[in-house]
Amino acid sequence: MKYILTSLLLFITCQTVFGQTVLCDAVIYWKYDGVIKIYDEPNGTQQISLKNDIENENFASLKIVEIRDKFYAVALSLDGITHYGWIEKGIYIGAFMKNEKEYMDLTFYSKPNDKLSEVIEIKNWKASFVTIEECGPEWTKVSVDYNGKRITGWIESAKLCANNYSTCS
């Protein structure tokens, strides 16, 4: 009976994640050494906790399939194992800019799908990790720290690289 219930729960969890479209890919920032808690639902029961293995350079990657308030429904991969559930949003969940240079101009928009919306431009930005706030296949809302302020805006999703090892050039 225990085997049947466990199998059923695994099937339902897989259907919840695999049955949905992936909104975006992301990573847990390679410098983040805190615990990543995976829950069965937002504000639910903790199923497992994981950590990046910084010493062996083994970092978590994830697919975000749903966003609800302060939580992401994810398929999180680490050590060759994929875990399904909900994780809390955090500044350590994000991506890098594709083809980044050490210093680059970074352009955000105030609205997705609208290049005529207000432009937020950061000149000579020291390229680093960007936090994903919201995401979709076409546009992603990100935030960065710049000159002591947190700046948030929308960027085309294709400009992001969810890889701790490369800039996807």
Protein backbone atom coordinates (compact mmCIF):
# COMPACT_ATOMS: atom_id res chain seq x y z
CA MET A 1 0.00 0.00 0.00
CA LYS A 2 2.86 2.38 0.90
CA TYR A 3 4.45 1.69 -2.51
CA ILE A 4 1.18 2.45 -4.31
CA LEU A 5 0.67 5.74 -2.43
CA THR A 6 4.28 6.81 -3.04
CA SER A 7 3.99 5.97 -6.75
CA LEU A 8 0.70 7.85 -7.01
CA LEU A 9 2.18 10.94 -5.30
CA LEU A 10 5.20 10.85 -7.62
CA PHE A 11 2.91 10.52 -10.66
CA ILE A 12 0.79 13.49 -9.58
CA THR A 13 3.88 15.61 -8.90
CA CYS A 14 5.37 14.75 -12.30
CA GLN A 15 2.09 15.55 -14.03
CA THR A 16 1.94 18.88 -12.22
CA VAL A 17 5.36 19.89 -13.55
CA PHE A 18 5.56 18.05 -16.88
CA GLY A 19 1.97 18.82 -17.77
CA GLN A 20 2.73 22.54 -17.76
CA THR A 21 4.69 24.72 -20.13
CA VAL A 22 8.07 25.82 -18.86
CA LEU A 23 7.97 29.58 -18.32
CA CYS A 24 11.75 29.90 -18.17
CA ASP A 25 15.01 28.26 -17.23
CA ALA A 26 16.98 29.57 -14.26
CA VAL A 27 19.86 28.69 -11.99
CA ILE A 28 20.62 28.95 -8.33
CA TYR A 29 23.51 31.44 -8.31
CA TRP A 30 26.80 29.59 -7.96
CA LYS A 31 27.89 31.80 -5.05
CA TYR A 32 24.74 31.00 -3.04
CA ASP A 33 25.67 28.63 -0.22
CA GLY A 34 22.34 28.67 1.62
CA VAL A 35 19.71 25.96 1.75
CA ILE A 36 17.09 25.58 -1.00
CA LYS A 37 13.87 24.23 0.51
CA ILE A 38 11.42 22.40 -1.75
CA TYR A 39 7.78 22.35 -0.62
CA ASP A 40 4.77 20.31 -1.74
CA GLU A 41 2.82 23.56 -2.30
CA PRO A 42 3.30 27.28 -1.54
CA ASN A 43 3.62 27.66 2.25
CA GLY A 44 3.20 23.88 2.46
CA THR A 45 5.19 21.02 3.91
CA GLN A 46 8.92 20.93 3.22
CA GLN A 47 9.78 17.86 1.15
CA ILE A 48 13.58 18.19 0.94
CA SER A 49 16.35 20.74 1.32
CA LEU A 50 19.33 21.01 -1.01
CA LYS A 51 22.51 23.08 -1.36
CA ASN A 52 24.83 23.99 -4.18
CA ASP A 53 28.06 22.00 -3.93
CA ILE A 54 30.41 24.95 -4.31
CA GLU A 55 33.56 22.95 -3.55
CA ASN A 56 32.90 20.51 -6.44
CA GLU A 57 31.27 23.16 -8.65
CA ASN A 58 27.95 21.31 -8.85
CA PHE A 59 25.17 23.89 -8.99
CA ALA A 60 21.38 23.63 -9.14
CA SER A 61 19.50 24.46 -12.33
CA LEU A 62 15.75 24.70 -12.63
CA LYS A 63 12.77 25.06 -14.89
CA ILE A 64 10.09 27.41 -13.62
CA VAL A 65 6.61 26.25 -14.64
CA GLU A 66 4.37 28.42 -12.46
CA ILE A 67 4.63 31.52 -10.30
CA ARG A 68 2.34 32.05 -7.33
CA ASP A 69 2.93 35.03 -5.04
CA LYS A 70 6.35 34.42 -3.48
CA PHE A 71 6.85 30.90 -4.85
CA TYR A 72 7.96 29.16 -8.04
CA ALA A 73 6.78 25.69 -9.09
CA VAL A 74 9.97 24.08 -10.38
CA ALA A 75 11.79 21.06 -11.66
CA LEU A 76 15.12 21.54 -9.88
CA SER A 77 18.13 19.47 -10.97
CA LEU A 78 21.18 18.85 -8.81
CA ASP A 79 23.63 15.94 -8.80
CA GLY A 80 21.80 14.36 -11.75
CA ILE A 81 18.54 14.12 -9.78
CA THR A 82 15.47 16.24 -10.57
CA HIS A 83 13.23 17.31 -7.70
CA TYR A 84 9.72 18.69 -8.25
CA GLY A 85 7.87 21.12 -6.03
CA TRP A 86 7.71 24.73 -4.90
CA ILE A 87 10.58 26.97 -3.83
CA GLU A 88 10.46 30.45 -2.36
CA LYS A 89 11.54 33.31 -4.58
CA GLY A 90 14.96 34.68 -3.72
CA ILE A 91 17.66 36.96 -5.08
CA TYR A 92 19.78 33.86 -5.76
CA ILE A 93 17.35 32.54 -8.45
CA GLY A 94 18.14 33.95 -11.87
CA ALA A 95 20.43 33.91 -14.87
CA PHE A 96 23.27 35.72 -16.60
CA MET A 97 23.25 37.89 -19.70
CA LYS A 98 24.16 36.03 -22.90
CA ASN A 99 27.50 36.98 -24.39
CA GLU A 100 28.22 39.24 -21.46
CA LYS A 101 31.31 41.40 -21.38
CA GLU A 102 32.92 42.54 -18.15
CA TYR A 103 31.21 45.92 -18.57
CA MET A 104 28.17 46.40 -20.76
CA ASP A 105 25.09 48.58 -21.19
CA LEU A 106 21.97 46.93 -19.80
CA THR A 107 18.53 47.93 -21.08
CA PHE A 108 15.25 47.10 -19.34
CA TYR A 109 11.70 48.07 -20.24
CA SER A 110 8.96 49.07 -17.82
CA LYS A 111 6.47 46.69 -19.53
CA PRO A 112 6.84 43.33 -21.28
CA ASN A 113 6.16 43.07 -25.01
CA ASP A 114 6.38 46.83 -25.39
CA LYS A 115 9.64 48.29 -26.63
CA LEU A 116 7.92 51.66 -26.66
CA SER A 117 7.43 51.56 -22.88
CA GLU A 118 9.74 53.47 -20.55
CA VAL A 119 13.36 52.43 -21.04
CA ILE A 120 15.54 51.79 -18.02
CA GLU A 121 19.17 51.91 -19.09
CA ILE A 122 22.20 51.11 -16.99
CA LYS A 123 25.37 52.36 -18.63
CA ASN A 124 28.67 50.56 -18.13
CA TRP A 125 27.09 47.88 -15.87
CA LYS A 126 29.60 45.41 -14.42
CA ALA A 127 28.08 42.19 -15.73
CA SER A 128 26.88 39.83 -13.04
CA PHE A 129 23.94 37.68 -11.99
CA VAL A 130 20.40 38.97 -12.59
CA THR A 131 17.53 37.88 -10.34
CA ILE A 132 14.39 36.54 -12.03
CA GLU A 133 11.24 38.11 -10.57
CA GLU A 134 8.71 36.88 -13.18
CA CYS A 135 9.20 35.10 -16.46
CA GLY A 136 7.71 33.82 -19.66
CA PRO A 137 8.96 32.46 -22.97
CA GLU A 138 9.27 35.93 -24.53
CA TRP A 139 9.92 38.37 -21.66
CA THR A 140 11.45 38.08 -18.19
CA LYS A 141 11.24 40.55 -15.33
CA VAL A 142 14.64 40.80 -13.67
CA SER A 143 16.34 42.88 -11.02
CA VAL A 144 19.95 43.86 -10.37
CA ASP A 145 21.85 45.83 -7.77
CA TYR A 146 23.42 48.98 -9.21
CA ASN A 147 24.98 51.89 -7.31
CA GLY A 148 23.33 50.80 -4.06
CA LYS A 149 19.81 50.49 -5.58
CA ARG A 150 17.73 47.54 -6.70
CA ILE A 151 16.65 48.18 -10.31
CA THR A 152 13.85 46.11 -11.85
CA GLY A 153 12.61 45.86 -15.42
CA TRP A 154 11.67 43.58 -18.31
CA ILE A 155 14.14 42.08 -20.76
CA GLU A 156 13.71 39.74 -23.70
CA SER A 157 14.07 36.18 -22.39
CA ALA A 158 16.34 35.23 -25.30
CA LYS A 159 19.00 37.57 -23.89
CA LEU A 160 19.37 35.47 -20.73
CA CYS A 161 21.61 32.48 -20.10
CA ALA A 162 20.54 30.08 -17.34
CA ASN A 163 23.97 28.50 -16.98
CA ASN A 164 26.46 28.87 -14.10
CA TYR A 165 29.31 27.57 -16.28
CA SER A 166 29.02 29.59 -19.50
CA THR A 167 27.57 32.77 -21.01
CA CYS A 168 25.83 30.77 -23.76
CA SER A 169 27.90 32.50 -26.47
